[in-house]
Amino acid sequence: MKKMITILVLLIGTTVSACTCIYEEFSKRDFTEASYIVKGEIVKIEIDEEAYKKIITFKVYDSYKGNSKKTMQMTTGLGGGDCGLFVTKGDKWLLFVNSFNGKQSVSTCGKNVRYTKGEEETEEDVKRACDTIKSYIKKIKKYKREK
């Protein structure tokens, strides 16, 4: 009985931090809040264990918002509860990049879309991702005209 009470106290007293995102349709707010909207490929991933983050080097194919260079660096969490984006070298993405104090970052809470086939994705998943990107780009062009 004493062990059970101890376990209950430990479980109740433990706080867990988890990534929580509100998923809504792509809107003008998503466009406005992003510093950069770019399409391209992950060319390098470095792990900064001290800062608990990944440093992503991204080759930009197309830029839809912001004056991006041909290659950008940005950070994301390592994944799991820190809202880090799960990326692999060679992945192709449409990324909604945020800037804070001159540093760029991405997270799972953004409207980011991977459009390459990974181990778990089917061809249908990739087609759906490409359709999503087309829809986003159409809205991005509309929002740019409204400025």
Protein backbone atom coordinates (compact mmCIF):
# COMPACT_ATOMS: atom_id res chain seq x y z
CA MET A 1 0.00 0.00 0.00
CA LYS A 2 2.85 2.38 0.87
CA LYS A 3 4.45 1.77 -2.55
CA MET A 4 1.17 2.46 -4.32
CA ILE A 5 0.73 5.80 -2.53
CA THR A 6 4.31 6.77 -3.38
CA ILE A 7 3.74 5.93 -7.05
CA LEU A 8 0.48 7.91 -7.11
CA VAL A 9 2.16 10.95 -5.53
CA LEU A 10 4.98 10.79 -8.06
CA LEU A 11 2.59 10.47 -11.00
CA ILE A 12 0.31 13.26 -9.85
CA GLY A 13 3.18 15.58 -8.99
CA THR A 14 4.91 15.20 -12.36
CA THR A 15 4.32 17.82 -15.02
CA VAL A 16 4.88 17.01 -18.66
CA SER A 17 5.49 19.58 -21.33
CA ALA A 18 4.17 18.69 -24.75
CA CYS A 19 3.83 20.39 -28.08
CA THR A 20 0.32 21.67 -28.60
CA CYS A 21 -0.71 23.15 -31.93
CA ILE A 22 -4.04 24.51 -33.08
CA TYR A 23 -4.65 23.25 -36.59
CA GLU A 24 -6.79 25.51 -38.73
CA GLU A 25 -7.13 26.18 -42.43
CA PHE A 26 -4.36 28.20 -44.05
CA SER A 27 -5.29 31.85 -43.60
CA LYS A 28 -4.02 35.36 -44.19
CA ARG A 29 -2.76 35.30 -40.59
CA ASP A 30 -0.41 32.38 -41.43
CA PHE A 31 0.86 34.37 -44.41
CA THR A 32 1.31 37.55 -42.37
CA GLU A 33 3.06 35.90 -39.42
CA ALA A 34 5.66 34.08 -41.54
CA SER A 35 8.86 36.01 -42.20
CA TYR A 36 9.71 33.73 -45.12
CA ILE A 37 7.74 31.24 -47.15
CA VAL A 38 10.12 29.11 -49.18
CA LYS A 39 10.10 25.87 -51.12
CA GLY A 40 13.22 23.75 -51.41
CA GLU A 41 15.31 20.92 -50.01
CA ILE A 42 17.01 20.02 -46.72
CA VAL A 43 20.72 19.76 -47.59
CA LYS A 44 22.25 19.47 -44.11
CA ILE A 45 21.13 18.83 -40.53
CA GLU A 46 23.33 19.48 -37.50
CA ILE A 47 22.41 18.66 -33.91
CA ASP A 48 23.13 21.18 -31.15
CA GLU A 49 22.59 19.02 -28.07
CA GLU A 50 23.44 21.85 -25.65
CA ALA A 51 20.68 24.05 -27.05
CA TYR A 52 18.46 21.00 -27.72
CA LYS A 53 17.82 21.91 -31.35
CA LYS A 54 18.59 21.01 -34.94
CA ILE A 55 20.23 23.46 -37.31
CA ILE A 56 18.82 22.96 -40.79
CA THR A 57 20.54 24.12 -43.97
CA PHE A 58 17.87 24.59 -46.63
CA LYS A 59 18.42 25.09 -50.37
CA VAL A 60 15.73 27.48 -51.63
CA TYR A 61 14.12 26.64 -54.98
CA ASP A 62 11.29 29.19 -54.79
CA SER A 63 10.62 32.08 -52.44
CA TYR A 64 7.02 33.24 -51.92
CA LYS A 65 7.62 35.71 -49.11
CA GLY A 66 10.72 37.46 -47.78
CA ASN A 67 14.05 38.11 -49.43
CA SER A 68 15.64 34.74 -48.89
CA LYS A 69 19.07 33.75 -50.10
CA LYS A 70 19.69 30.64 -52.18
CA THR A 71 20.55 28.81 -48.96
CA MET A 72 19.04 29.49 -45.54
CA GLN A 73 19.81 28.22 -42.06
CA MET A 74 17.08 27.78 -39.51
CA THR A 75 16.53 25.92 -36.27
CA THR A 76 13.88 23.56 -34.98
CA GLY A 77 13.54 21.45 -31.86
CA LEU A 78 14.81 17.89 -31.74
CA GLY A 79 11.27 16.57 -31.97
CA GLY A 80 8.61 15.21 -29.70
CA GLY A 81 7.34 17.57 -27.02
CA ASP A 82 9.35 20.58 -28.20
CA CYS A 83 7.40 21.01 -31.48
CA GLY A 84 10.53 20.25 -33.52
CA LEU A 85 9.98 19.52 -37.18
CA PHE A 86 10.94 15.96 -38.16
CA VAL A 87 13.27 16.43 -41.11
CA THR A 88 15.64 14.24 -43.09
CA LYS A 89 18.40 15.27 -45.45
CA GLY A 90 16.99 15.28 -48.97
CA ASP A 91 13.42 16.06 -47.88
CA LYS A 92 11.65 18.69 -49.96
CA TRP A 93 9.46 21.14 -48.08
CA LEU A 94 7.34 24.24 -48.32
CA LEU A 95 8.37 26.02 -45.11
CA PHE A 96 6.79 28.88 -43.20
CA VAL A 97 9.81 30.36 -41.45
CA ASN A 98 9.57 32.65 -38.42
CA SER A 99 12.24 35.16 -37.42
CA PHE A 100 13.04 36.30 -33.91
CA ASN A 101 16.06 38.45 -33.06
CA GLY A 102 17.50 37.78 -36.51
CA LYS A 103 17.28 33.98 -36.19
CA GLN A 104 15.01 31.81 -38.31
CA SER A 105 13.06 28.82 -37.02
CA VAL A 106 10.36 26.35 -38.03
CA SER A 107 8.12 24.04 -36.01
CA THR A 108 5.46 21.39 -36.41
CA CYS A 109 2.86 24.05 -35.59
CA GLY A 110 3.52 25.95 -38.83
CA LYS A 111 1.81 25.26 -42.14
CA ASN A 112 4.94 23.45 -43.35
CA VAL A 113 4.38 20.72 -45.94
CA ARG A 114 6.82 17.95 -46.87
CA TYR A 115 6.33 16.83 -50.45
CA THR A 116 8.77 13.92 -50.75
CA LYS A 117 8.02 10.30 -50.00
CA GLY A 118 9.46 9.00 -46.76
CA GLU A 119 9.32 5.53 -45.27
CA GLU A 120 5.79 5.91 -43.92
CA GLU A 121 4.24 7.91 -46.77
CA THR A 122 2.40 6.49 -49.74
CA GLU A 123 2.27 7.98 -53.21
CA GLU A 124 -1.22 9.20 -52.28
CA ASP A 125 0.27 11.10 -49.29
CA VAL A 126 2.75 12.84 -51.59
CA LYS A 127 0.00 13.72 -54.07
CA ARG A 128 -2.09 15.15 -51.22
CA ALA A 129 0.91 17.20 -50.03
CA CYS A 130 1.47 18.58 -53.54
CA ASP A 131 -2.23 19.51 -53.78
CA THR A 132 -1.94 21.28 -50.42
CA ILE A 133 1.09 23.23 -51.63
CA LYS A 134 -0.75 24.28 -54.80
CA SER A 135 -3.66 25.49 -52.67
CA TYR A 136 -1.31 27.40 -50.34
CA ILE A 137 0.56 29.05 -53.22
CA LYS A 138 -2.72 30.16 -54.77
CA LYS A 139 -3.72 31.79 -51.46
CA ILE A 140 -0.23 33.29 -50.99
CA LYS A 141 -0.49 35.00 -54.38
CA LYS A 142 -3.95 36.30 -53.43
CA TYR A 143 -2.71 37.69 -50.10
CA LYS A 144 0.27 39.36 -51.80
CA ARG A 145 -2.11 41.16 -54.22
CA GLU A 146 -4.25 42.36 -51.29
CA LYS A 147 -1.32 44.13 -49.59
